[in-house]
Amino acid sequence: MLSAHGLTCVRGDRRLFAQLDLSVDAGEWLHVRGENGAGKTSLLRLLAGLSQPAEGEIRWCGQSIRDSDSPYRQDLLYFGHHGALKEDLTAMENLGFSAAMDGIAYRDGEALAALYKFGLKGREELPVRVLSAGQKRRVMLARLAIRKAKLWVLDEPFTALDVKAVDLLANLISDHVAGGGMAVLTSHQTMPIPGGRVIQL
């Protein structure tokens, strides 16, 4: 289980939120909502361990994610609002690079299937720089299909996607949760995914 206790987030001289508690267990997902500037991305970055709270603690299976022996990094997949794609690499090469960074085995067939699933057949060997914004987003989403992480932390994953890709991603998240996975995501859309709870910032 992922849990956060008494989280306070400060940016500059502004307090975004204070004393926030949350938890998500296997088979559950959280939908973080709020106005622009409310701290949604900041909260997800805290949960991903990319920044530190002014106060409070985040735990994974009861252990602080800051402990050196915590398995949290191996169990987490973070999908930022601004994707970390290498523009000069192809879609396939980007998935291979991500797999290497995540420390997981990379299988060409599985990666191709993921790219095809997100409508990138015929574009898998093109440099990412020539792809549209929506296609780049699909390359990043293909990573979800090949990364066997227990917890997905997703910042605005539906941005720049067409209707078909939105449905594909919603089904992918739904299948992940139904299989005992967990997800925390931000989105301005209403999510047709069962098992969810809303946190309003």
C-alpha atoms as a PDB file:
ATOM      1  CA  MET A   1       0.000   0.000   0.000  1.00  0.00           C
ATOM      2  CA  LEU A   2       1.064   3.566  -0.700  1.00  0.00           C
ATOM      3  CA  SER A   3       0.274   6.037   2.056  1.00  0.00           C
ATOM      4  CA  ALA A   4       1.062   9.669   2.757  1.00  0.00           C
ATOM      5  CA  HIS A   5       0.842  11.247   6.175  1.00  0.00           C
ATOM      6  CA  GLY A   6       0.610  14.959   6.955  1.00  0.00           C
ATOM      7  CA  LEU A   7       2.094  16.109   3.639  1.00  0.00           C
ATOM      8  CA  THR A   8       2.741  19.823   3.334  1.00  0.00           C
ATOM      9  CA  CYS A   9       4.033  21.276   0.067  1.00  0.00           C
ATOM     10  CA  VAL A  10       5.538  24.752  -0.256  1.00  0.00           C
ATOM     11  CA  ARG A  11       6.679  26.375  -3.500  1.00  0.00           C
ATOM     12  CA  GLY A  12       8.525  29.639  -3.044  1.00  0.00           C
ATOM     13  CA  ASP A  13       6.551  31.614  -0.482  1.00  0.00           C
ATOM     14  CA  ARG A  14       3.283  29.823  -1.266  1.00  0.00           C
ATOM     15  CA  ARG A  15       1.839  26.846   0.574  1.00  0.00           C
ATOM     16  CA  LEU A  16       0.048  24.642  -1.967  1.00  0.00           C
ATOM     17  CA  PHE A  17      -1.469  22.185   0.496  1.00  0.00           C
ATOM     18  CA  ALA A  18      -0.948  21.182   4.119  1.00  0.00           C
ATOM     19  CA  GLN A  19      -1.421  18.110   6.321  1.00  0.00           C
ATOM     20  CA  LEU A  20      -2.618  15.968   3.435  1.00  0.00           C
ATOM     21  CA  ASP A  21      -3.260  12.270   4.114  1.00  0.00           C
ATOM     22  CA  LEU A  22      -3.961   9.674   1.437  1.00  0.00           C
ATOM     23  CA  SER A  23      -3.699   5.965   0.804  1.00  0.00           C
ATOM     24  CA  VAL A  24      -4.122   3.606  -2.117  1.00  0.00           C
ATOM     25  CA  ASP A  25      -4.073  -0.175  -1.951  1.00  0.00           C
ATOM     26  CA  ALA A  26      -3.944  -2.990  -4.489  1.00  0.00           C
ATOM     27  CA  GLY A  27      -6.865  -2.783  -6.913  1.00  0.00           C
ATOM     28  CA  GLU A  28      -7.464   0.925  -6.233  1.00  0.00           C
ATOM     29  CA  TRP A  29      -6.679   4.185  -7.965  1.00  0.00           C
ATOM     30  CA  LEU A  30      -6.811   7.835  -6.952  1.00  0.00           C
ATOM     31  CA  HIS A  31      -7.926  10.714  -9.150  1.00  0.00           C
ATOM     32  CA  VAL A  32      -6.224  13.928  -8.005  1.00  0.00           C
ATOM     33  CA  ARG A  33      -8.259  16.958  -9.032  1.00  0.00           C
ATOM     34  CA  GLY A  34      -7.976  20.692  -8.508  1.00  0.00           C
ATOM     35  CA  GLU A  35      -7.667  24.061 -10.178  1.00  0.00           C
ATOM     36  CA  ASN A  36      -4.515  24.998 -12.073  1.00  0.00           C
ATOM     37  CA  GLY A  37      -1.827  25.827  -9.538  1.00  0.00           C
ATOM     38  CA  ALA A  38      -3.479  23.826  -6.753  1.00  0.00           C
ATOM     39  CA  GLY A  39      -0.461  21.520  -6.484  1.00  0.00           C
ATOM     40  CA  LYS A  40      -1.507  18.415  -8.441  1.00  0.00           C
ATOM     41  CA  THR A  41       1.814  17.981 -10.242  1.00  0.00           C
ATOM     42  CA  SER A  42       3.708  18.886  -7.067  1.00  0.00           C
ATOM     43  CA  LEU A  43       1.847  16.152  -5.181  1.00  0.00           C
ATOM     44  CA  LEU A  44       2.659  13.553  -7.819  1.00  0.00           C
ATOM     45  CA  ARG A  45       6.324  14.558  -7.804  1.00  0.00           C
ATOM     46  CA  LEU A  46       6.345  14.097  -4.028  1.00  0.00           C
ATOM     47  CA  LEU A  47       4.758  10.656  -4.392  1.00  0.00           C
ATOM     48  CA  ALA A  48       7.353   9.740  -7.024  1.00  0.00           C
ATOM     49  CA  GLY A  49      10.180  10.788  -4.700  1.00  0.00           C
ATOM     50  CA  LEU A  50      11.354  13.512  -7.093  1.00  0.00           C
ATOM     51  CA  SER A  51      10.966  16.243  -4.495  1.00  0.00           C
ATOM     52  CA  GLN A  52      10.630  16.351  -0.723  1.00  0.00           C
ATOM     53  CA  PRO A  53       7.669  17.621   1.329  1.00  0.00           C
ATOM     54  CA  ALA A  54       8.069  20.522   3.719  1.00  0.00           C
ATOM     55  CA  GLU A  55       6.420  18.257   6.285  1.00  0.00           C
ATOM     56  CA  GLY A  56       5.103  14.721   6.358  1.00  0.00           C
ATOM     57  CA  GLU A  57       6.121  11.279   5.159  1.00  0.00           C
ATOM     58  CA  ILE A  58       5.335   8.903   2.295  1.00  0.00           C
ATOM     59  CA  ARG A  59       5.377   5.162   2.924  1.00  0.00           C
ATOM     60  CA  TRP A  60       5.353   2.109   0.679  1.00  0.00           C
ATOM     61  CA  CYS A  61       4.177  -1.079   2.407  1.00  0.00           C
ATOM     62  CA  GLY A  62       4.693   0.702   5.724  1.00  0.00           C
ATOM     63  CA  GLN A  63       8.289   1.738   5.003  1.00  0.00           C
ATOM     64  CA  SER A  64       9.451   5.276   4.224  1.00  0.00           C
ATOM     65  CA  ILE A  65      10.235   5.655   0.523  1.00  0.00           C
ATOM     66  CA  ARG A  66      13.381   7.555   1.587  1.00  0.00           C
ATOM     67  CA  ASP A  67      14.902   4.450   3.204  1.00  0.00           C
ATOM     68  CA  SER A  68      17.839   3.173   1.193  1.00  0.00           C
ATOM     69  CA  ASP A  69      16.533  -0.398   1.195  1.00  0.00           C
ATOM     70  CA  SER A  70      12.996   0.500   0.106  1.00  0.00           C
ATOM     71  CA  PRO A  71      11.812  -1.411  -3.010  1.00  0.00           C
ATOM     72  CA  TYR A  72       9.753   1.620  -4.022  1.00  0.00           C
ATOM     73  CA  ARG A  73      11.792   2.589  -7.092  1.00  0.00           C
ATOM     74  CA  GLN A  74      11.432  -0.869  -8.591  1.00  0.00           C
ATOM     75  CA  ASP A  75       7.679  -0.912  -7.918  1.00  0.00           C
ATOM     76  CA  LEU A  76       6.990   2.589  -9.303  1.00  0.00           C
ATOM     77  CA  LEU A  77       6.388   3.916 -12.800  1.00  0.00           C
ATOM     78  CA  TYR A  78       6.196   7.717 -13.000  1.00  0.00           C
ATOM     79  CA  PHE A  79       4.715   9.394 -16.076  1.00  0.00           C
ATOM     80  CA  GLY A  80       5.410  13.131 -15.965  1.00  0.00           C
ATOM     81  CA  HIS A  81       3.417  15.828 -17.671  1.00  0.00           C
ATOM     82  CA  HIS A  82       6.487  16.583 -19.792  1.00  0.00           C
ATOM     83  CA  GLY A  83       7.681  13.254 -21.087  1.00  0.00           C
ATOM     84  CA  ALA A  84      11.347  12.315 -21.015  1.00  0.00           C
ATOM     85  CA  LEU A  85      11.807  11.271 -24.638  1.00  0.00           C
ATOM     86  CA  LYS A  86      15.110  11.456 -26.484  1.00  0.00           C
ATOM     87  CA  GLU A  87      14.275  13.362 -29.663  1.00  0.00           C
ATOM     88  CA  ASP A  88      17.070  11.834 -31.767  1.00  0.00           C
ATOM     89  CA  LEU A  89      16.162   8.254 -30.824  1.00  0.00           C
ATOM     90  CA  THR A  90      13.432   6.236 -32.521  1.00  0.00           C
ATOM     91  CA  ALA A  91      10.283   5.136 -30.717  1.00  0.00           C
ATOM     92  CA  MET A  92      11.773   1.651 -30.310  1.00  0.00           C
ATOM     93  CA  GLU A  93      15.064   3.047 -29.049  1.00  0.00           C
ATOM     94  CA  ASN A  94      13.244   5.254 -26.553  1.00  0.00           C
ATOM     95  CA  LEU A  95      11.434   2.234 -25.124  1.00  0.00           C
ATOM     96  CA  GLY A  96      14.743   0.401 -24.923  1.00  0.00           C
ATOM     97  CA  PHE A  97      16.349   3.358 -23.153  1.00  0.00           C
ATOM     98  CA  SER A  98      13.458   3.560 -20.672  1.00  0.00           C
ATOM     99  CA  ALA A  99      13.690  -0.172 -20.005  1.00  0.00           C
ATOM    100  CA  ALA A 100      17.417   0.134 -19.316  1.00  0.00           C
ATOM    101  CA  MET A 101      16.809   3.060 -16.938  1.00  0.00           C
ATOM    102  CA  ASP A 102      14.102   1.044 -15.175  1.00  0.00           C
ATOM    103  CA  GLY A 103      16.394  -1.975 -14.935  1.00  0.00           C
ATOM    104  CA  ILE A 104      13.989  -4.315 -16.718  1.00  0.00           C
ATOM    105  CA  ALA A 105      14.468  -6.817 -19.527  1.00  0.00           C
ATOM    106  CA  TYR A 106      13.768  -5.364 -22.966  1.00  0.00           C
ATOM    107  CA  ARG A 107      11.972  -7.489 -25.560  1.00  0.00           C
ATOM    108  CA  ASP A 108      11.617  -6.156 -29.094  1.00  0.00           C
ATOM    109  CA  GLY A 109       8.418  -8.114 -29.760  1.00  0.00           C
ATOM    110  CA  GLU A 110       6.702  -6.806 -26.639  1.00  0.00           C
ATOM    111  CA  ALA A 111       7.793  -3.248 -27.388  1.00  0.00           C
ATOM    112  CA  LEU A 112       6.552  -3.467 -30.986  1.00  0.00           C
ATOM    113  CA  ALA A 113       3.203  -4.821 -29.811  1.00  0.00           C
ATOM    114  CA  ALA A 114       2.874  -1.916 -27.374  1.00  0.00           C
ATOM    115  CA  LEU A 115       3.679   0.662 -30.077  1.00  0.00           C
ATOM    116  CA  TYR A 116       1.242  -0.975 -32.497  1.00  0.00           C
ATOM    117  CA  LYS A 117      -1.439  -1.010 -29.810  1.00  0.00           C
ATOM    118  CA  PHE A 118      -1.108   2.764 -29.529  1.00  0.00           C
ATOM    119  CA  GLY A 119      -1.336   3.295 -33.280  1.00  0.00           C
ATOM    120  CA  LEU A 120       2.348   3.740 -34.078  1.00  0.00           C
ATOM    121  CA  LYS A 121       2.787   0.934 -36.603  1.00  0.00           C
ATOM    122  CA  GLY A 122       5.092   2.170 -39.354  1.00  0.00           C
ATOM    123  CA  ARG A 123       6.537   4.863 -37.080  1.00  0.00           C
ATOM    124  CA  GLU A 124       8.490   2.671 -34.690  1.00  0.00           C
ATOM    125  CA  GLU A 125      11.830   3.363 -36.442  1.00  0.00           C
ATOM    126  CA  LEU A 126      11.309   7.106 -36.981  1.00  0.00           C
ATOM    127  CA  PRO A 127      13.196   9.635 -34.838  1.00  0.00           C
ATOM    128  CA  VAL A 128      10.840  10.950 -32.194  1.00  0.00           C
ATOM    129  CA  ARG A 129      11.529  14.540 -33.288  1.00  0.00           C
ATOM    130  CA  VAL A 130       9.480  14.008 -36.487  1.00  0.00           C
ATOM    131  CA  LEU A 131       6.408  12.712 -34.624  1.00  0.00           C
ATOM    132  CA  SER A 132       3.419  14.865 -33.703  1.00  0.00           C
ATOM    133  CA  ALA A 133       2.720  15.811 -30.088  1.00  0.00           C
ATOM    134  CA  GLY A 134       0.024  13.137 -29.877  1.00  0.00           C
ATOM    135  CA  GLN A 135       2.311  10.485 -31.359  1.00  0.00           C
ATOM    136  CA  LYS A 136       5.068  11.363 -28.894  1.00  0.00           C
ATOM    137  CA  ARG A 137       2.534  10.964 -26.120  1.00  0.00           C
ATOM    138  CA  ARG A 138       1.647   7.522 -27.477  1.00  0.00           C
ATOM    139  CA  VAL A 139       5.312   6.488 -27.389  1.00  0.00           C
ATOM    140  CA  MET A 140       5.423   7.374 -23.699  1.00  0.00           C
ATOM    141  CA  LEU A 141       2.173   5.518 -23.038  1.00  0.00           C
ATOM    142  CA  ALA A 142       3.547   2.390 -24.719  1.00  0.00           C
ATOM    143  CA  ARG A 143       5.974   2.251 -21.801  1.00  0.00           C
ATOM    144  CA  LEU A 144       3.030   1.477 -19.511  1.00  0.00           C
ATOM    145  CA  ALA A 145       2.295  -1.664 -21.496  1.00  0.00           C
ATOM    146  CA  ILE A 146       5.826  -3.082 -21.075  1.00  0.00           C
ATOM    147  CA  ARG A 147       6.740  -1.895 -17.583  1.00  0.00           C
ATOM    148  CA  LYS A 148       5.562  -4.338 -14.908  1.00  0.00           C
ATOM    149  CA  ALA A 149       5.313  -1.846 -12.046  1.00  0.00           C
ATOM    150  CA  LYS A 150       2.856  -2.202  -9.174  1.00  0.00           C
ATOM    151  CA  LEU A 151       2.188   1.541  -8.839  1.00  0.00           C
ATOM    152  CA  TRP A 152       1.599   3.968 -11.698  1.00  0.00           C
ATOM    153  CA  VAL A 153       1.845   7.697 -10.934  1.00  0.00           C
ATOM    154  CA  LEU A 154       0.519   9.504 -14.014  1.00  0.00           C
ATOM    155  CA  ASP A 155       0.457  13.283 -14.497  1.00  0.00           C
ATOM    156  CA  GLU A 156      -2.162  14.300 -17.094  1.00  0.00           C
ATOM    157  CA  PRO A 157      -1.687  11.106 -19.143  1.00  0.00           C
ATOM    158  CA  PHE A 158      -4.641  11.895 -21.442  1.00  0.00           C
ATOM    159  CA  THR A 159      -3.183  15.182 -22.726  1.00  0.00           C
ATOM    160  CA  ALA A 160      -2.898  15.443 -26.550  1.00  0.00           C
ATOM    161  CA  LEU A 161      -4.633  12.095 -27.139  1.00  0.00           C
ATOM    162  CA  ASP A 162      -7.486  11.511 -29.564  1.00  0.00           C
ATOM    163  CA  VAL A 163     -10.670   9.679 -28.560  1.00  0.00           C
ATOM    164  CA  LYS A 164      -9.353   6.246 -29.564  1.00  0.00           C
ATOM    165  CA  ALA A 165      -6.123   6.669 -27.603  1.00  0.00           C
ATOM    166  CA  VAL A 166      -8.056   7.928 -24.562  1.00  0.00           C
ATOM    167  CA  ASP A 167     -10.139   4.737 -24.627  1.00  0.00           C
ATOM    168  CA  LEU A 168      -7.009   2.590 -25.009  1.00  0.00           C
ATOM    169  CA  LEU A 169      -5.322   4.251 -22.063  1.00  0.00           C
ATOM    170  CA  ALA A 170      -8.435   4.079 -19.878  1.00  0.00           C
ATOM    171  CA  ASN A 171      -8.675   0.347 -20.594  1.00  0.00           C
ATOM    172  CA  LEU A 172      -4.959  -0.113 -19.858  1.00  0.00           C
ATOM    173  CA  ILE A 173      -5.317   1.589 -16.476  1.00  0.00           C
ATOM    174  CA  SER A 174      -8.505  -0.360 -15.742  1.00  0.00           C
ATOM    175  CA  ASP A 175      -6.785  -3.678 -16.545  1.00  0.00           C
ATOM    176  CA  HIS A 176      -3.788  -2.708 -14.409  1.00  0.00           C
ATOM    177  CA  VAL A 177      -6.002  -1.942 -11.421  1.00  0.00           C
ATOM    178  CA  ALA A 178      -8.182  -5.021 -11.968  1.00  0.00           C
ATOM    179  CA  GLY A 179      -5.011  -7.125 -11.883  1.00  0.00           C
ATOM    180  CA  GLY A 180      -4.104  -5.832  -8.427  1.00  0.00           C
ATOM    181  CA  GLY A 181      -2.115  -2.785  -9.513  1.00  0.00           C
ATOM    182  CA  MET A 182      -2.458   0.751  -8.170  1.00  0.00           C
ATOM    183  CA  ALA A 183      -2.574   4.136  -9.856  1.00  0.00           C
ATOM    184  CA  VAL A 184      -2.543   7.797  -8.873  1.00  0.00           C
ATOM    185  CA  LEU A 185      -3.322  10.195 -11.686  1.00  0.00           C
ATOM    186  CA  THR A 186      -4.282  13.756 -12.487  1.00  0.00           C
ATOM    187  CA  SER A 187      -6.788  14.592 -15.203  1.00  0.00           C
ATOM    188  CA  HIS A 188      -9.412  17.206 -15.911  1.00  0.00           C
ATOM    189  CA  GLN A 189     -11.596  14.504 -17.440  1.00  0.00           C
ATOM    190  CA  THR A 190     -14.081  12.212 -15.730  1.00  0.00           C
ATOM    191  CA  MET A 191     -12.549   8.742 -15.709  1.00  0.00           C
ATOM    192  CA  PRO A 192     -14.693   5.723 -16.652  1.00  0.00           C
ATOM    193  CA  ILE A 193     -12.482   3.414 -14.574  1.00  0.00           C
ATOM    194  CA  PRO A 194     -13.919   1.395 -11.679  1.00  0.00           C
ATOM    195  CA  GLY A 195     -12.408   1.318  -8.206  1.00  0.00           C
ATOM    196  CA  GLY A 196     -11.416   4.976  -8.095  1.00  0.00           C
ATOM    197  CA  ARG A 197     -11.535   7.680  -5.447  1.00  0.00           C
ATOM    198  CA  VAL A 198     -11.162  11.439  -5.892  1.00  0.00           C
ATOM    199  CA  ILE A 199      -8.807  13.698  -3.949  1.00  0.00           C
ATOM    200  CA  GLN A 200      -9.653  17.372  -4.372  1.00  0.00           C
ATOM    201  CA  LEU A 201      -6.822  19.857  -3.804  1.00  0.00           C
END
